[in-house]
Amino acid sequence: MSVDRAKSDLNQLSGEADRLRKRLLAVDEEVAKLKAYIEMAQRYGEVGSPRNVPLAVDAPLPFNRPRKSSGGIASRAVEATIQIIRHAGKAVATRELLDHLSDIGIVVGGTNPVANLSGFLSRSPALKNSRSRGWSLAEWPSDWAPGSEPTGSIFLSIPDESE
């Protein structure tokens, strides 16, 4: 083997060793990240799972209090609106719903809270809106709501059998 050939092979192998060292450093960094992730998951639990390691303090923390609803203001407003309408037994105007929600601590903010509430409610398949009557439950027939007069006659003409 010639000296030139040996130098060429040495340069090639040195370059490959440098690439492998860089790759090894990158792999070591990834290993460290995964170890940290596993340690945090074991200590605090994964999303949606209970904690695996108890906290050092037994007192409940203020941010661990149970939430009233799984969602934000929109889902809480929709859930409460359904209950309000069901309790009222009739369609309820958006402004009136906003007042009822405010009374129970659900505050819909923004520059136009009525429009914001209407936007929240319009996304719920459980509710339907009539401009003349207000919001009602989708399960109610469109021409009737509990507490309102039914349209059309509910009496049937039954022939008298004595004739």
Protein backbone atom coordinates (compact mmCIF):
# COMPACT_ATOMS: atom_id res chain seq x y z
CA MET A 1 0.00 0.00 0.00
CA SER A 2 1.36 3.40 -0.87
CA VAL A 3 1.67 6.22 1.64
CA ASP A 4 -0.67 8.40 -0.42
CA ARG A 5 -3.30 5.70 -0.39
CA ALA A 6 -2.91 5.30 3.38
CA LYS A 7 -3.28 9.07 3.91
CA SER A 8 -6.41 9.08 1.77
CA ASP A 9 -7.89 6.17 3.74
CA LEU A 10 -6.94 7.90 7.01
CA ASN A 11 -8.70 11.12 5.94
CA GLN A 12 -11.76 9.19 4.86
CA LEU A 13 -11.93 7.22 8.13
CA SER A 14 -11.32 10.36 10.21
CA GLY A 15 -14.22 12.09 8.43
CA GLU A 16 -16.45 9.10 9.04
CA ALA A 17 -15.40 9.01 12.73
CA ASP A 18 -16.27 12.73 13.05
CA ARG A 19 -19.70 12.11 11.49
CA LEU A 20 -20.28 9.16 13.82
CA ARG A 21 -19.22 11.23 16.88
CA LYS A 22 -21.72 13.96 15.89
CA ARG A 23 -24.41 11.33 15.37
CA LEU A 24 -23.57 9.78 18.75
CA LEU A 25 -23.87 13.20 20.43
CA ALA A 26 -27.26 13.71 18.78
CA VAL A 27 -28.41 10.26 19.90
CA ASP A 28 -27.14 10.92 23.44
CA GLU A 29 -29.10 14.20 23.52
CA GLU A 30 -32.25 12.39 22.38
CA VAL A 31 -31.70 9.70 25.03
CA ALA A 32 -31.41 12.43 27.70
CA LYS A 33 -34.65 14.05 26.50
CA LEU A 34 -36.50 10.72 26.58
CA LYS A 35 -35.19 9.96 30.07
CA ALA A 36 -36.39 13.38 31.26
CA TYR A 37 -39.78 12.79 29.62
CA ILE A 38 -40.15 9.39 31.27
CA GLU A 39 -39.17 10.80 34.66
CA MET A 40 -41.72 13.65 34.34
CA ALA A 41 -44.45 11.28 33.14
CA GLN A 42 -43.83 8.99 36.10
CA ARG A 43 -43.83 11.89 38.54
CA TYR A 44 -46.77 13.90 37.19
CA GLY A 45 -48.66 11.41 35.05
CA GLU A 46 -49.37 11.54 31.37
CA VAL A 47 -52.18 13.60 29.91
CA GLY A 48 -55.46 11.94 30.85
CA SER A 49 -53.93 9.54 33.37
CA PRO A 50 -53.70 9.74 37.15
CA ARG A 51 -50.50 10.80 38.83
CA ASN A 52 -48.05 8.01 39.42
CA VAL A 53 -45.98 9.67 42.14
CA PRO A 54 -47.67 11.51 45.04
CA LEU A 55 -46.80 15.13 45.70
CA ALA A 56 -44.73 15.99 48.74
CA VAL A 57 -47.59 18.12 50.11
CA ASP A 58 -50.90 16.59 51.13
CA ALA A 59 -52.87 19.87 51.11
CA PRO A 60 -54.96 20.41 47.99
CA LEU A 61 -53.57 23.01 45.66
CA PRO A 62 -55.90 25.75 44.39
CA PHE A 63 -55.38 24.81 40.75
CA ASN A 64 -56.37 21.19 41.42
CA ARG A 65 -59.97 22.03 42.34
CA PRO A 66 -62.54 20.14 40.28
CA ARG A 67 -63.93 22.02 37.32
CA LYS A 68 -67.61 22.52 36.86
CA SER A 69 -67.35 21.48 33.26
CA SER A 70 -64.82 19.86 31.00
CA GLY A 71 -64.86 22.79 28.62
CA GLY A 72 -64.53 26.53 28.70
CA ILE A 73 -67.09 29.27 28.96
CA ALA A 74 -68.79 28.24 25.71
CA SER A 75 -69.53 24.66 26.77
CA ARG A 76 -70.60 25.76 30.26
CA ALA A 77 -72.92 28.34 28.73
CA VAL A 78 -74.45 25.75 26.38
CA GLU A 79 -74.94 23.18 29.17
CA ALA A 80 -76.57 25.76 31.45
CA THR A 81 -78.72 27.12 28.62
CA ILE A 82 -80.14 23.68 27.93
CA GLN A 83 -81.10 23.39 31.60
CA ILE A 84 -82.60 26.90 31.66
CA ILE A 85 -84.73 26.23 28.56
CA ARG A 86 -85.81 22.83 29.84
CA HIS A 87 -86.80 24.37 33.20
CA ALA A 88 -88.64 27.25 31.49
CA GLY A 89 -90.50 24.78 29.29
CA LYS A 90 -90.52 27.19 26.38
CA ALA A 91 -88.22 29.04 24.02
CA VAL A 92 -86.12 31.74 25.69
CA ALA A 93 -84.67 34.89 24.11
CA THR A 94 -80.89 35.28 23.98
CA ARG A 95 -80.88 38.42 26.16
CA GLU A 96 -82.93 36.60 28.82
CA LEU A 97 -80.58 33.60 28.66
CA LEU A 98 -77.61 35.94 29.11
CA ASP A 99 -79.22 37.38 32.25
CA HIS A 100 -79.94 33.89 33.67
CA LEU A 101 -76.38 32.77 32.93
CA SER A 102 -74.98 35.84 34.64
CA ASP A 103 -77.16 35.08 37.70
CA ILE A 104 -75.52 31.66 38.05
CA GLY A 105 -71.98 32.97 37.54
CA ILE A 106 -71.44 32.25 33.86
CA VAL A 107 -70.37 35.56 32.37
CA VAL A 108 -70.15 35.81 28.60
CA GLY A 109 -67.82 38.68 27.83
CA GLY A 110 -66.79 40.66 24.81
CA THR A 111 -68.04 43.84 23.19
CA ASN A 112 -71.32 42.15 22.25
CA PRO A 113 -72.11 39.38 24.79
CA VAL A 114 -75.52 38.65 23.21
CA ALA A 115 -73.88 37.93 19.85
CA ASN A 116 -71.15 35.89 21.54
CA LEU A 117 -73.69 33.77 23.41
CA SER A 118 -75.71 33.32 20.24
CA GLY A 119 -72.53 32.12 18.51
CA PHE A 120 -71.86 29.59 21.28
CA LEU A 121 -75.44 28.28 21.17
CA SER A 122 -75.60 28.07 17.39
CA ARG A 123 -72.80 25.48 17.42
CA SER A 124 -74.78 23.11 19.63
CA PRO A 125 -76.87 20.46 17.88
CA ALA A 126 -79.05 20.28 21.02
CA LEU A 127 -80.40 23.81 20.45
CA LYS A 128 -82.27 25.63 17.71
CA ASN A 129 -83.10 29.29 17.31
CA SER A 130 -86.23 31.04 16.13
CA ARG A 131 -85.91 34.79 15.71
CA SER A 132 -89.48 35.30 16.86
CA ARG A 133 -89.45 32.95 19.87
CA GLY A 134 -85.82 32.54 20.91
CA TRP A 135 -83.78 29.44 21.68
CA SER A 136 -85.45 26.08 22.21
CA LEU A 137 -84.41 22.46 22.39
CA ALA A 138 -83.80 20.68 19.10
CA GLU A 139 -85.71 17.68 20.46
CA TRP A 140 -88.90 19.75 20.54
CA PRO A 141 -91.03 19.77 17.35
CA SER A 142 -90.47 22.95 15.36
CA ASP A 143 -94.09 24.13 15.63
CA TRP A 144 -94.46 23.39 19.34
CA ALA A 145 -92.60 23.72 22.61
CA PRO A 146 -93.75 22.67 26.05
CA GLY A 147 -95.84 25.46 27.56
CA SER A 148 -97.01 26.80 24.22
CA GLU A 149 -100.27 26.17 22.46
CA PRO A 150 -100.05 23.32 19.94
CA THR A 151 -100.89 24.19 16.37
CA GLY A 152 -103.83 22.42 14.78
CA SER A 153 -106.51 20.37 16.46
CA ILE A 154 -105.59 17.62 18.86
CA PHE A 155 -109.13 16.17 18.88
CA LEU A 156 -110.12 13.31 16.63
CA SER A 157 -113.59 12.74 15.36
CA ILE A 158 -114.70 9.37 16.75
CA PRO A 159 -117.95 7.95 15.40
CA ASP A 160 -120.60 7.22 17.99
CA GLU A 161 -121.15 3.46 18.19
CA SER A 162 -124.66 3.82 19.58
CA GLU A 163 -125.99 4.95 16.23
